[in-house]
Amino acid sequence: MINILQIIKTLEETYPNPICALTYKKDYELLFAARLSAQCTDARVNLVTPVLFKRYQTLEEIASADISELEDIIHSCGFYKTKARDIVMASAMLVGEFDGKVPDTMEKLLRIPGVGRKTANLMLGDLFGKPSIVVDTHCIRITNRIGLVKTKDPVKIETELRAIIPPDKSTAFCHRLVLHGRVVCTARNPKCNKCTIFAYCERNMV
């Protein structure tokens, strides 16, 4: 049986300062950075968002932005038409329904255009300090590889991880998976010889 507490402890020692890779100053900046990160690298998003938030400095300005100009700014993030539309609509909703603040419940977050459970969990964990499970590509890959889950379905993974990970460890655990997935447990050619949790991995038990 996989020792999840030992895996958590080892990852804590390996990555002592886990933080979200997306840079932001305001709550809605994290929300929109997360939207831009879909099918795009965090590094690319972090190059685009300073330009975006310098051009539009308030939610009201984003809500009334010229859509073609906004598309030009975020073009390099991919899927720019859909992302631009979602950002403008989300800004209008935040202003009109949530008093200009990112809401702090899953139910309300999921009402916002472009926000799914992954982004909603990121907001809950990083903005509000609530227990969260952010199921991104790294989380899906690593939790399957080491045998914590046996599914690629994000909702099922979230449910199964919530059942075994202590709530106060969950947000940081997911950030550590991102760090581990970028450096060691990569999509191709994972560096198992450098993996600090390999002893607890199913690959080591075959």
N, C-alpha and C. Protein backbone atom coordinates (compact mmCIF):
# COMPACT_ATOMS: atom_id res chain seq x y z
N MET A 1 0.84 -1.20 0.00
CA MET A 1 0.00 0.00 0.00
C MET A 1 0.87 1.25 0.00
N ILE A 2 0.53 2.21 -0.84
CA ILE A 2 1.33 3.43 -0.97
C ILE A 2 1.16 4.29 0.28
N ASN A 3 2.27 4.78 0.80
CA ASN A 3 2.27 5.61 2.00
C ASN A 3 2.17 7.08 1.61
N ILE A 4 0.95 7.59 1.54
CA ILE A 4 0.75 8.97 1.08
C ILE A 4 1.39 9.98 2.04
N LEU A 5 1.36 9.70 3.32
CA LEU A 5 1.94 10.64 4.28
C LEU A 5 3.45 10.74 4.12
N GLN A 6 4.08 9.63 3.78
CA GLN A 6 5.52 9.66 3.56
C GLN A 6 5.85 10.37 2.25
N ILE A 7 5.01 10.20 1.26
CA ILE A 7 5.19 10.92 -0.01
C ILE A 7 5.08 12.42 0.22
N ILE A 8 4.07 12.82 0.97
CA ILE A 8 3.88 14.24 1.28
C ILE A 8 5.10 14.78 2.03
N LYS A 9 5.56 14.05 3.03
CA LYS A 9 6.71 14.48 3.83
C LYS A 9 7.97 14.62 2.97
N THR A 10 8.18 13.67 2.08
CA THR A 10 9.36 13.70 1.22
C THR A 10 9.30 14.88 0.25
N LEU A 11 8.14 15.11 -0.33
CA LEU A 11 7.99 16.25 -1.24
C LEU A 11 8.16 17.58 -0.50
N GLU A 12 7.71 17.63 0.75
CA GLU A 12 7.91 18.83 1.55
C GLU A 12 9.39 19.11 1.76
N GLU A 13 10.16 18.06 1.96
CA GLU A 13 11.60 18.22 2.16
C GLU A 13 12.29 18.58 0.85
N THR A 14 11.79 18.05 -0.26
CA THR A 14 12.40 18.30 -1.56
C THR A 14 12.08 19.68 -2.08
N TYR A 15 10.84 20.11 -1.86
CA TYR A 15 10.38 21.43 -2.34
C TYR A 15 9.79 22.19 -1.16
N PRO A 16 10.64 22.82 -0.35
CA PRO A 16 10.18 23.43 0.90
C PRO A 16 9.33 24.69 0.72
N ASN A 17 9.43 25.33 -0.43
CA ASN A 17 8.69 26.59 -0.61
C ASN A 17 7.83 26.55 -1.87
N PRO A 18 6.77 25.76 -1.84
CA PRO A 18 5.93 25.65 -3.04
C PRO A 18 5.02 26.86 -3.19
N ILE A 19 5.07 27.48 -4.35
CA ILE A 19 4.19 28.61 -4.62
C ILE A 19 3.64 28.46 -6.03
N CYS A 20 2.58 29.15 -6.29
CA CYS A 20 2.01 29.16 -7.63
C CYS A 20 3.00 29.82 -8.59
N ALA A 21 3.20 29.21 -9.73
CA ALA A 21 4.17 29.73 -10.70
C ALA A 21 3.66 30.97 -11.43
N LEU A 22 2.37 31.21 -11.38
CA LEU A 22 1.80 32.38 -12.04
C LEU A 22 1.99 33.62 -11.16
N THR A 23 2.46 34.70 -11.74
CA THR A 23 2.67 35.93 -10.98
C THR A 23 1.43 36.81 -11.03
N TYR A 24 1.12 37.44 -9.90
CA TYR A 24 -0.06 38.30 -9.83
C TYR A 24 0.05 39.21 -8.61
N LYS A 25 -0.70 40.31 -8.65
CA LYS A 25 -0.76 41.24 -7.54
C LYS A 25 -2.18 41.37 -6.98
N LYS A 26 -3.17 41.18 -7.84
CA LYS A 26 -4.57 41.30 -7.44
C LYS A 26 -5.26 39.95 -7.63
N ASP A 27 -6.36 39.77 -6.92
CA ASP A 27 -7.04 38.48 -7.00
C ASP A 27 -7.48 38.14 -8.42
N TYR A 28 -8.02 39.11 -9.13
CA TYR A 28 -8.50 38.81 -10.47
C TYR A 28 -7.35 38.57 -11.45
N GLU A 29 -6.17 39.08 -11.13
CA GLU A 29 -5.03 38.84 -11.99
C GLU A 29 -4.65 37.35 -11.98
N LEU A 30 -4.75 36.72 -10.83
CA LEU A 30 -4.50 35.28 -10.77
C LEU A 30 -5.58 34.52 -11.54
N LEU A 31 -6.81 34.96 -11.41
CA LEU A 31 -7.91 34.31 -12.12
C LEU A 31 -7.68 34.34 -13.63
N PHE A 32 -7.30 35.49 -14.15
CA PHE A 32 -7.12 35.62 -15.59
C PHE A 32 -5.81 34.97 -16.06
N ALA A 33 -4.79 35.00 -15.22
CA ALA A 33 -3.55 34.31 -15.56
C ALA A 33 -3.82 32.80 -15.67
N ALA A 34 -4.63 32.29 -14.78
CA ALA A 34 -4.98 30.87 -14.83
C ALA A 34 -5.75 30.55 -16.11
N ARG A 35 -6.62 31.45 -16.51
CA ARG A 35 -7.37 31.24 -17.76
C ARG A 35 -6.41 31.22 -18.95
N LEU A 36 -5.46 32.12 -18.96
CA LEU A 36 -4.50 32.19 -20.07
C LEU A 36 -3.58 30.96 -20.09
N SER A 37 -3.39 30.32 -18.94
CA SER A 37 -2.44 29.21 -18.86
C SER A 37 -2.95 27.92 -19.49
N ALA A 38 -4.23 27.87 -19.81
CA ALA A 38 -4.77 26.67 -20.46
C ALA A 38 -4.06 26.44 -21.78
N GLN A 39 -3.48 25.25 -21.94
CA GLN A 39 -2.73 24.91 -23.15
C GLN A 39 -1.59 25.89 -23.43
N CYS A 40 -1.03 26.42 -22.37
CA CYS A 40 0.07 27.39 -22.51
C CYS A 40 0.97 27.26 -21.28
N THR A 41 2.22 27.61 -21.42
CA THR A 41 3.13 27.51 -20.29
C THR A 41 2.96 28.69 -19.34
N ASP A 42 3.24 28.45 -18.06
CA ASP A 42 3.19 29.53 -17.08
C ASP A 42 4.21 30.61 -17.42
N ALA A 43 5.36 30.20 -17.94
CA ALA A 43 6.40 31.16 -18.30
C ALA A 43 5.90 32.13 -19.36
N ARG A 44 5.21 31.63 -20.35
CA ARG A 44 4.65 32.49 -21.39
C ARG A 44 3.59 33.42 -20.81
N VAL A 45 2.72 32.88 -19.98
CA VAL A 45 1.68 33.70 -19.35
C VAL A 45 2.30 34.84 -18.55
N ASN A 46 3.38 34.54 -17.84
CA ASN A 46 4.02 35.56 -17.01
C ASN A 46 4.69 36.66 -17.83
N LEU A 47 4.92 36.40 -19.10
CA LEU A 47 5.42 37.45 -20.00
C LEU A 47 4.29 38.32 -20.52
N VAL A 48 3.12 37.72 -20.65
CA VAL A 48 1.96 38.42 -21.24
C VAL A 48 1.19 39.24 -20.21
N THR A 49 1.01 38.72 -19.01
CA THR A 49 0.15 39.40 -18.04
C THR A 49 0.64 40.80 -17.62
N PRO A 50 1.95 41.06 -17.50
CA PRO A 50 2.35 42.43 -17.16
C PRO A 50 1.89 43.44 -18.21
N VAL A 51 1.94 43.03 -19.47
CA VAL A 51 1.48 43.91 -20.55
C VAL A 51 -0.04 44.09 -20.46
N LEU A 52 -0.74 42.98 -20.22
CA LEU A 52 -2.20 43.02 -20.12
C LEU A 52 -2.67 43.92 -19.00
N PHE A 53 -2.08 43.76 -17.82
CA PHE A 53 -2.56 44.51 -16.66
C PHE A 53 -2.00 45.94 -16.58
N LYS A 54 -1.02 46.24 -17.41
CA LYS A 54 -0.59 47.63 -17.53
C LYS A 54 -1.54 48.38 -18.45
N ARG A 55 -2.00 47.68 -19.49
CA ARG A 55 -2.94 48.30 -20.44
C ARG A 55 -4.32 48.47 -19.81
N TYR A 56 -4.77 47.48 -19.09
CA TYR A 56 -6.08 47.54 -18.43
C TYR A 56 -5.85 47.41 -16.92
N GLN A 57 -5.99 48.49 -16.21
CA GLN A 57 -5.58 48.52 -14.81
C GLN A 57 -6.70 48.27 -13.82
N THR A 58 -7.93 48.14 -14.30
CA THR A 58 -9.06 47.84 -13.42
C THR A 58 -9.96 46.81 -14.11
N LEU A 59 -10.81 46.18 -13.33
CA LEU A 59 -11.77 45.25 -13.90
C LEU A 59 -12.72 45.96 -14.85
N GLU A 60 -13.09 47.17 -14.50
CA GLU A 60 -13.99 47.94 -15.36
C GLU A 60 -13.37 48.18 -16.73
N GLU A 61 -12.07 48.45 -16.75
CA GLU A 61 -11.40 48.68 -18.03
C GLU A 61 -11.34 47.40 -18.86
N ILE A 62 -11.12 46.29 -18.19
CA ILE A 62 -11.10 45.02 -18.92
C ILE A 62 -12.49 44.68 -19.45
N ALA A 63 -13.50 44.93 -18.65
CA ALA A 63 -14.88 44.61 -19.05
C ALA A 63 -15.31 45.40 -20.28
N SER A 64 -14.75 46.58 -20.45
CA SER A 64 -15.13 47.43 -21.59
C SER A 64 -14.03 47.47 -22.66
N ALA A 65 -13.10 46.54 -22.59
CA ALA A 65 -11.97 46.53 -23.52
C ALA A 65 -12.41 46.25 -24.94
N ASP A 66 -11.67 46.81 -25.88
CA ASP A 66 -11.84 46.47 -27.28
C ASP A 66 -11.33 45.04 -27.45
N ILE A 67 -12.20 44.15 -27.86
CA ILE A 67 -11.88 42.73 -27.87
C ILE A 67 -10.71 42.41 -28.78
N SER A 68 -10.61 43.11 -29.91
CA SER A 68 -9.51 42.84 -30.84
C SER A 68 -8.17 43.26 -30.26
N GLU A 69 -8.17 44.36 -29.50
CA GLU A 69 -6.94 44.81 -28.86
C GLU A 69 -6.51 43.81 -27.78
N LEU A 70 -7.47 43.33 -27.02
CA LEU A 70 -7.18 42.34 -25.99
C LEU A 70 -6.66 41.05 -26.62
N GLU A 71 -7.25 40.66 -27.72
CA GLU A 71 -6.79 39.46 -28.43
C GLU A 71 -5.34 39.61 -28.87
N ASP A 72 -4.98 40.80 -29.34
CA ASP A 72 -3.60 41.03 -29.78
C ASP A 72 -2.62 40.87 -28.63
N ILE A 73 -3.01 41.34 -27.45
CA ILE A 73 -2.11 41.28 -26.29
C ILE A 73 -1.87 39.85 -25.85
N ILE A 74 -2.91 39.02 -25.87
CA ILE A 74 -2.79 37.65 -25.35
C ILE A 74 -2.60 36.62 -26.45
N HIS A 75 -2.41 37.07 -27.66
CA HIS A 75 -2.35 36.19 -28.82
C HIS A 75 -1.38 35.02 -28.63
N SER A 76 -0.21 35.28 -28.07
CA SER A 76 0.82 34.26 -27.96
C SER A 76 0.48 33.15 -26.97
N CYS A 77 -0.59 33.34 -26.19
CA CYS A 77 -1.00 32.31 -25.22
C CYS A 77 -1.86 31.22 -25.86
N GLY A 78 -2.23 31.44 -27.12
CA GLY A 78 -3.05 30.45 -27.80
C GLY A 78 -4.53 30.55 -27.43
N PHE A 79 -5.38 30.06 -28.34
CA PHE A 79 -6.83 30.11 -28.13
C PHE A 79 -7.27 31.51 -27.67
N TYR A 80 -6.65 32.51 -28.27
CA TYR A 80 -6.79 33.88 -27.78
C TYR A 80 -8.19 34.44 -27.94
N LYS A 81 -8.93 34.00 -28.94
CA LYS A 81 -10.28 34.54 -29.12
C LYS A 81 -11.20 34.09 -27.97
N THR A 82 -11.15 32.81 -27.67
CA THR A 82 -11.98 32.29 -26.57
C THR A 82 -11.54 32.87 -25.24
N LYS A 83 -10.23 32.94 -25.03
CA LYS A 83 -9.72 33.45 -23.76
C LYS A 83 -10.05 34.93 -23.58
N ALA A 84 -9.94 35.71 -24.65
CA ALA A 84 -10.27 37.14 -24.57
C ALA A 84 -11.74 37.33 -24.24
N ARG A 85 -12.60 36.56 -24.89
CA ARG A 85 -14.04 36.64 -24.62
C ARG A 85 -14.34 36.30 -23.17
N ASP A 86 -13.73 35.22 -22.68
CA ASP A 86 -13.97 34.81 -21.30
C ASP A 86 -13.50 35.86 -20.30
N ILE A 87 -12.34 36.45 -20.55
CA ILE A 87 -11.79 37.44 -19.63
C ILE A 87 -12.68 38.68 -19.57
N VAL A 88 -13.17 39.12 -20.71
CA VAL A 88 -14.06 40.29 -20.73
C VAL A 88 -15.37 39.97 -20.01
N MET A 89 -15.95 38.81 -20.29
CA MET A 89 -17.22 38.44 -19.66
C MET A 89 -17.04 38.21 -18.16
N ALA A 90 -15.91 37.60 -17.79
CA ALA A 90 -15.64 37.37 -16.38
C ALA A 90 -15.48 38.68 -15.63
N SER A 91 -14.81 39.64 -16.25
CA SER A 91 -14.64 40.96 -15.63
C SER A 91 -15.98 41.61 -15.37
N ALA A 92 -16.85 41.54 -16.37
CA ALA A 92 -18.18 42.13 -16.22
C ALA A 92 -18.95 41.46 -15.09
N MET A 93 -18.83 40.14 -14.97
CA MET A 93 -19.53 39.43 -13.90
C MET A 93 -18.96 39.78 -12.53
N LEU A 94 -17.64 39.86 -12.43
CA LEU A 94 -17.02 40.21 -11.16
C LEU A 94 -17.47 41.58 -10.69
N VAL A 95 -17.56 42.51 -11.63
CA VAL A 95 -18.00 43.87 -11.29
C VAL A 95 -19.48 43.90 -10.96
N GLY A 96 -20.27 43.25 -11.81
CA GLY A 96 -21.72 43.34 -11.68
C GLY A 96 -22.34 42.48 -10.59
N GLU A 97 -21.72 41.32 -10.30
CA GLU A 97 -22.35 40.39 -9.36
C GLU A 97 -21.56 40.14 -8.09
N PHE A 98 -20.24 40.38 -8.14
CA PHE A 98 -19.41 40.02 -6.99
C PHE A 98 -18.65 41.20 -6.40
N ASP A 99 -19.15 42.40 -6.65
CA ASP A 99 -18.58 43.60 -6.04
C ASP A 99 -17.09 43.75 -6.35
N GLY A 100 -16.68 43.29 -7.53
CA GLY A 100 -15.30 43.46 -7.96
C GLY A 100 -14.31 42.54 -7.29
N LYS A 101 -14.79 41.49 -6.62
CA LYS A 101 -13.92 40.56 -5.92
C LYS A 101 -14.10 39.14 -6.46
N VAL A 102 -13.02 38.39 -6.51
CA VAL A 102 -13.12 36.98 -6.86
C VAL A 102 -13.84 36.27 -5.71
N PRO A 103 -14.91 35.55 -5.98
CA PRO A 103 -15.67 34.89 -4.91
C PRO A 103 -14.89 33.73 -4.29
N ASP A 104 -15.31 33.34 -3.09
CA ASP A 104 -14.54 32.35 -2.34
C ASP A 104 -15.25 31.01 -2.15
N THR A 105 -16.19 30.69 -3.04
CA THR A 105 -16.83 29.39 -2.98
C THR A 105 -16.77 28.73 -4.36
N MET A 106 -16.70 27.41 -4.37
CA MET A 106 -16.67 26.66 -5.62
C MET A 106 -17.89 26.97 -6.47
N GLU A 107 -19.05 27.01 -5.84
CA GLU A 107 -20.30 27.24 -6.57
C GLU A 107 -20.27 28.56 -7.33
N LYS A 108 -19.84 29.62 -6.68
CA LYS A 108 -19.81 30.93 -7.32
C LYS A 108 -18.70 31.02 -8.36
N LEU A 109 -17.56 30.43 -8.07
CA LEU A 109 -16.45 30.47 -9.02
C LEU A 109 -16.80 29.78 -10.33
N LEU A 110 -17.52 28.68 -10.24
CA LEU A 110 -17.87 27.93 -11.44
C LEU A 110 -18.89 28.65 -12.32
N ARG A 111 -19.49 29.70 -11.81
CA ARG A 111 -20.41 30.50 -12.62
C ARG A 111 -19.67 31.47 -13.53
N ILE A 112 -18.40 31.71 -13.24
CA ILE A 112 -17.63 32.70 -13.98
C ILE A 112 -17.19 32.12 -15.32
N PRO A 113 -17.37 32.84 -16.42
CA PRO A 113 -16.97 32.33 -17.74
C PRO A 113 -15.50 31.92 -17.76
N GLY A 114 -15.26 30.74 -18.30
CA GLY A 114 -13.90 30.25 -18.44
C GLY A 114 -13.32 29.58 -17.22
N VAL A 115 -14.10 29.48 -16.15
CA VAL A 115 -13.59 28.89 -14.91
C VAL A 115 -14.14 27.48 -14.72
N GLY A 116 -13.22 26.51 -14.64
CA GLY A 116 -13.58 25.14 -14.33
C GLY A 116 -13.08 24.79 -12.95
N ARG A 117 -13.16 23.54 -12.59
CA ARG A 117 -12.79 23.13 -11.24
C ARG A 117 -11.29 23.35 -10.96
N LYS A 118 -10.44 23.15 -11.96
CA LYS A 118 -9.01 23.34 -11.75
C LYS A 118 -8.72 24.78 -11.34
N THR A 119 -9.24 25.73 -12.10
CA THR A 119 -9.02 27.14 -11.78
C THR A 119 -9.70 27.52 -10.47
N ALA A 120 -10.90 27.02 -10.27
CA ALA A 120 -11.63 27.33 -9.03
C ALA A 120 -10.85 26.85 -7.81
N ASN A 121 -10.30 25.65 -7.90
CA ASN A 121 -9.51 25.13 -6.78
C ASN A 121 -8.25 25.96 -6.55
N LEU A 122 -7.64 26.43 -7.62
CA LEU A 122 -6.46 27.28 -7.48
C LEU A 122 -6.82 28.56 -6.73
N MET A 123 -7.97 29.15 -7.07
CA MET A 123 -8.40 30.37 -6.38
C MET A 123 -8.66 30.09 -4.90
N LEU A 124 -9.37 29.00 -4.62
CA LEU A 124 -9.72 28.68 -3.24
C LEU A 124 -8.47 28.44 -2.40
N GLY A 125 -7.50 27.77 -2.97
CA GLY A 125 -6.29 27.46 -2.22
C GLY A 125 -5.36 28.64 -2.07
N ASP A 126 -5.06 29.32 -3.18
CA ASP A 126 -4.03 30.37 -3.14
C ASP A 126 -4.56 31.71 -2.66
N LEU A 127 -5.80 32.03 -2.96
CA LEU A 127 -6.35 33.33 -2.54
C LEU A 127 -6.97 33.28 -1.16
N PHE A 128 -7.59 32.14 -0.83
CA PHE A 128 -8.38 32.08 0.39
C PHE A 128 -7.89 31.06 1.41
N GLY A 129 -6.84 30.33 1.08
CA GLY A 129 -6.28 29.38 2.03
C GLY A 129 -7.19 28.22 2.36
N LYS A 130 -8.10 27.89 1.46
CA LYS A 130 -9.00 26.77 1.68
C LYS A 130 -8.40 25.49 1.09
N PRO A 131 -8.73 24.34 1.66
CA PRO A 131 -8.22 23.08 1.11
C PRO A 131 -8.61 22.95 -0.37
N SER A 132 -7.63 22.62 -1.20
CA SER A 132 -7.91 22.54 -2.63
C SER A 132 -7.07 21.46 -3.28
N ILE A 133 -7.59 20.91 -4.34
CA ILE A 133 -6.87 19.93 -5.15
C ILE A 133 -6.90 20.44 -6.59
N VAL A 134 -5.77 20.94 -7.06
CA VAL A 134 -5.69 21.47 -8.42
C VAL A 134 -5.22 20.34 -9.34
N VAL A 135 -6.12 19.83 -10.13
CA VAL A 135 -5.80 18.70 -11.00
C VAL A 135 -5.38 19.22 -12.37
N ASP A 136 -4.08 19.46 -12.52
CA ASP A 136 -3.54 19.88 -13.81
C ASP A 136 -2.83 18.70 -14.46
N THR A 137 -2.13 18.94 -15.55
CA THR A 137 -1.49 17.85 -16.27
C THR A 137 -0.44 17.14 -15.42
N HIS A 138 0.30 17.90 -14.61
CA HIS A 138 1.31 17.29 -13.75
C HIS A 138 0.66 16.38 -12.70
N CYS A 139 -0.41 16.88 -12.11
CA CYS A 139 -1.12 16.10 -11.10
C CYS A 139 -1.67 14.81 -11.70
N ILE A 140 -2.27 14.90 -12.86
CA ILE A 140 -2.83 13.72 -13.52
C ILE A 140 -1.73 12.70 -13.80
N ARG A 141 -0.63 13.18 -14.38
CA ARG A 141 0.46 12.29 -14.77
C ARG A 141 1.11 11.61 -13.56
N ILE A 142 1.48 12.42 -12.57
CA ILE A 142 2.26 11.89 -11.45
C ILE A 142 1.42 11.00 -10.55
N THR A 143 0.21 11.40 -10.25
CA THR A 143 -0.61 10.58 -9.35
C THR A 143 -0.94 9.24 -9.97
N ASN A 144 -1.05 9.20 -11.30
CA ASN A 144 -1.26 7.91 -11.97
C ASN A 144 0.02 7.09 -11.99
N ARG A 145 1.14 7.74 -12.25
CA ARG A 145 2.41 7.02 -12.32
C ARG A 145 2.78 6.35 -10.99
N ILE A 146 2.59 7.09 -9.91
CA ILE A 146 3.02 6.52 -8.63
C ILE A 146 1.94 5.63 -8.01
N GLY A 147 0.75 5.62 -8.63
CA GLY A 147 -0.28 4.69 -8.20
C GLY A 147 -1.28 5.22 -7.20
N LEU A 148 -1.33 6.54 -7.03
CA LEU A 148 -2.32 7.10 -6.11
C LEU A 148 -3.72 7.00 -6.69
N VAL A 149 -3.82 7.09 -8.02
CA VAL A 149 -5.11 6.98 -8.70
C VAL A 149 -4.94 6.10 -9.93
N LYS A 150 -6.08 5.67 -10.47
CA LYS A 150 -6.06 4.84 -11.68
C LYS A 150 -7.06 5.40 -12.69
N THR A 151 -7.04 6.70 -12.86
CA THR A 151 -7.97 7.34 -13.77
C THR A 151 -7.37 8.63 -14.29
N LYS A 152 -7.78 9.04 -15.49
CA LYS A 152 -7.34 10.32 -16.04
C LYS A 152 -8.45 11.37 -15.92
N ASP A 153 -9.57 10.98 -15.32
CA ASP A 153 -10.70 11.90 -15.16
C ASP A 153 -10.41 12.89 -14.03
N PRO A 154 -10.32 14.19 -14.34
CA PRO A 154 -9.94 15.18 -13.33
C PRO A 154 -10.85 15.20 -12.10
N VAL A 155 -12.15 15.08 -12.30
CA VAL A 155 -13.07 15.12 -11.17
C VAL A 155 -12.87 13.91 -10.27
N LYS A 156 -12.69 12.74 -10.88
CA LYS A 156 -12.46 11.53 -10.09
C LYS A 156 -11.13 11.64 -9.33
N ILE A 157 -10.12 12.19 -9.99
CA ILE A 157 -8.82 12.36 -9.33
C ILE A 157 -8.95 13.29 -8.13
N GLU A 158 -9.65 14.39 -8.33
CA GLU A 158 -9.85 15.34 -7.23
C GLU A 158 -10.54 14.66 -6.05
N THR A 159 -11.58 13.91 -6.34
CA THR A 159 -12.33 13.22 -5.28
C THR A 159 -11.45 12.20 -4.55
N GLU A 160 -10.69 11.43 -5.30
CA GLU A 160 -9.86 10.40 -4.69
C GLU A 160 -8.72 10.99 -3.88
N LEU A 161 -8.13 12.08 -4.37
CA LEU A 161 -7.04 12.70 -3.62
C LEU A 161 -7.55 13.37 -2.35
N ARG A 162 -8.73 13.96 -2.42
CA ARG A 162 -9.31 14.58 -1.21
C ARG A 162 -9.51 13.54 -0.10
N ALA A 163 -9.74 12.30 -0.51
CA ALA A 163 -10.01 11.24 0.47
C ALA A 163 -8.75 10.77 1.19
N ILE A 164 -7.57 11.02 0.60
CA ILE A 164 -6.34 10.49 1.20
C ILE A 164 -5.34 11.56 1.64
N ILE A 165 -5.50 12.79 1.16
CA ILE A 165 -4.55 13.85 1.51
C ILE A 165 -5.15 14.74 2.60
N PRO A 166 -4.44 14.96 3.69
CA PRO A 166 -4.95 15.85 4.74
C PRO A 166 -5.29 17.22 4.15
N PRO A 167 -6.45 17.78 4.49
CA PRO A 167 -6.87 19.06 3.90
C PRO A 167 -5.84 20.17 4.01
N ASP A 168 -5.14 20.24 5.15
CA ASP A 168 -4.18 21.33 5.33
C ASP A 168 -2.90 21.12 4.52
N LYS A 169 -2.77 19.97 3.88
CA LYS A 169 -1.60 19.69 3.05
C LYS A 169 -1.91 19.75 1.56
N SER A 170 -3.19 19.79 1.22
CA SER A 170 -3.59 19.54 -0.16
C SER A 170 -3.12 20.60 -1.16
N THR A 171 -3.27 21.88 -0.83
CA THR A 171 -2.89 22.94 -1.76
C THR A 171 -1.40 22.89 -2.06
N ALA A 172 -0.59 22.82 -1.02
CA ALA A 172 0.86 22.78 -1.20
C ALA A 172 1.29 21.51 -1.91
N PHE A 173 0.61 20.40 -1.64
CA PHE A 173 0.92 19.13 -2.29
C PHE A 173 0.82 19.28 -3.81
N CYS A 174 -0.24 19.92 -4.27
CA CYS A 174 -0.44 20.08 -5.71
C CYS A 174 0.62 21.00 -6.32
N HIS A 175 1.00 22.05 -5.61
CA HIS A 175 2.07 22.91 -6.12
C HIS A 175 3.39 22.14 -6.20
N ARG A 176 3.62 21.27 -5.24
CA ARG A 176 4.84 20.47 -5.25
C ARG A 176 4.84 19.47 -6.41
N LEU A 177 3.68 18.95 -6.75
CA LEU A 177 3.60 18.06 -7.91
C LEU A 177 3.99 18.79 -9.18
N VAL A 178 3.60 20.05 -9.29
CA VAL A 178 3.98 20.84 -10.47
C VAL A 178 5.50 20.98 -10.54
N LEU A 179 6.11 21.34 -9.42
CA LEU A 179 7.56 21.48 -9.39
C LEU A 179 8.25 20.16 -9.72
N HIS A 180 7.74 19.08 -9.15
CA HIS A 180 8.32 17.76 -9.38
C HIS A 180 8.13 17.33 -10.84
N GLY A 181 6.97 17.65 -11.39
CA GLY A 181 6.68 17.26 -12.76
C GLY A 181 7.51 18.00 -13.78
N ARG A 182 7.89 19.22 -13.47
CA ARG A 182 8.70 20.00 -14.41
C ARG A 182 10.16 19.57 -14.41
N VAL A 183 10.65 19.19 -13.25
CA VAL A 183 12.08 18.93 -13.12
C VAL A 183 12.43 17.45 -13.19
N VAL A 184 11.60 16.59 -12.59
CA VAL A 184 11.95 15.18 -12.43
C VAL A 184 10.98 14.25 -13.15
N CYS A 185 9.72 14.26 -12.73
CA CYS A 185 8.73 13.32 -13.28
C CYS A 185 8.08 13.93 -14.53
N THR A 186 8.91 14.13 -15.55
CA THR A 186 8.47 14.79 -16.77
C THR A 186 7.61 13.86 -17.62
N ALA A 187 6.91 14.45 -18.57
CA ALA A 187 6.01 13.66 -19.40
C ALA A 187 6.77 12.59 -20.19
N ARG A 188 7.92 12.99 -20.72
CA ARG A 188 8.76 12.04 -21.46
C ARG A 188 10.07 11.85 -20.71
N ASN A 189 10.53 10.63 -20.68
CA ASN A 189 11.80 10.31 -20.04
C ASN A 189 11.92 10.83 -18.61
N PRO A 190 11.02 10.39 -17.73
CA PRO A 190 11.12 10.82 -16.33
C PRO A 190 12.45 10.39 -15.71
N LYS A 191 12.99 11.23 -14.86
CA LYS A 191 14.30 10.98 -14.25
C LYS A 191 14.11 10.19 -12.94
N CYS A 192 13.74 8.95 -13.07
CA CYS A 192 13.45 8.12 -11.89
C CYS A 192 14.65 7.99 -10.97
N ASN A 193 15.86 8.06 -11.55
CA ASN A 193 17.08 7.93 -10.73
C ASN A 193 17.31 9.15 -9.85
N LYS A 194 16.60 10.25 -10.13
CA LYS A 194 16.74 11.46 -9.34
C LYS A 194 15.47 11.76 -8.52
N CYS A 195 14.53 10.83 -8.54
CA CYS A 195 13.24 11.05 -7.90
C CYS A 195 13.27 10.70 -6.41
N THR A 196 12.96 11.66 -5.58
CA THR A 196 13.00 11.43 -4.13
C THR A 196 11.84 10.58 -3.62
N ILE A 197 10.80 10.44 -4.44
CA ILE A 197 9.66 9.62 -4.01
C ILE A 197 9.59 8.30 -4.79
N PHE A 198 10.67 7.96 -5.49
CA PHE A 198 10.66 6.73 -6.30
C PHE A 198 10.47 5.49 -5.44
N ALA A 199 10.94 5.54 -4.21
CA ALA A 199 10.79 4.39 -3.32
C ALA A 199 9.33 4.05 -3.05
N TYR A 200 8.45 5.04 -3.22
CA TYR A 200 7.02 4.84 -2.95
C TYR A 200 6.21 4.74 -4.25
N CYS A 201 6.91 4.71 -5.37
CA CYS A 201 6.26 4.73 -6.68
C CYS A 201 5.99 3.31 -7.17
N GLU A 202 4.88 3.13 -7.84
CA GLU A 202 4.54 1.81 -8.38
C GLU A 202 5.58 1.33 -9.39
N ARG A 203 6.26 2.27 -10.05
CA ARG A 203 7.30 1.89 -11.01
C ARG A 203 8.44 1.14 -10.32
N ASN A 204 8.62 1.42 -9.05
CA ASN A 204 9.68 0.78 -8.29
C ASN A 204 9.23 -0.56 -7.70
N MET A 205 7.93 -0.85 -7.86
CA MET A 205 7.39 -2.04 -7.23
C MET A 205 7.04 -3.12 -8.25
N VAL A 206 7.34 -2.83 -9.51
CA VAL A 206 7.03 -3.80 -10.57
C VAL A 206 8.01 -4.97 -10.51
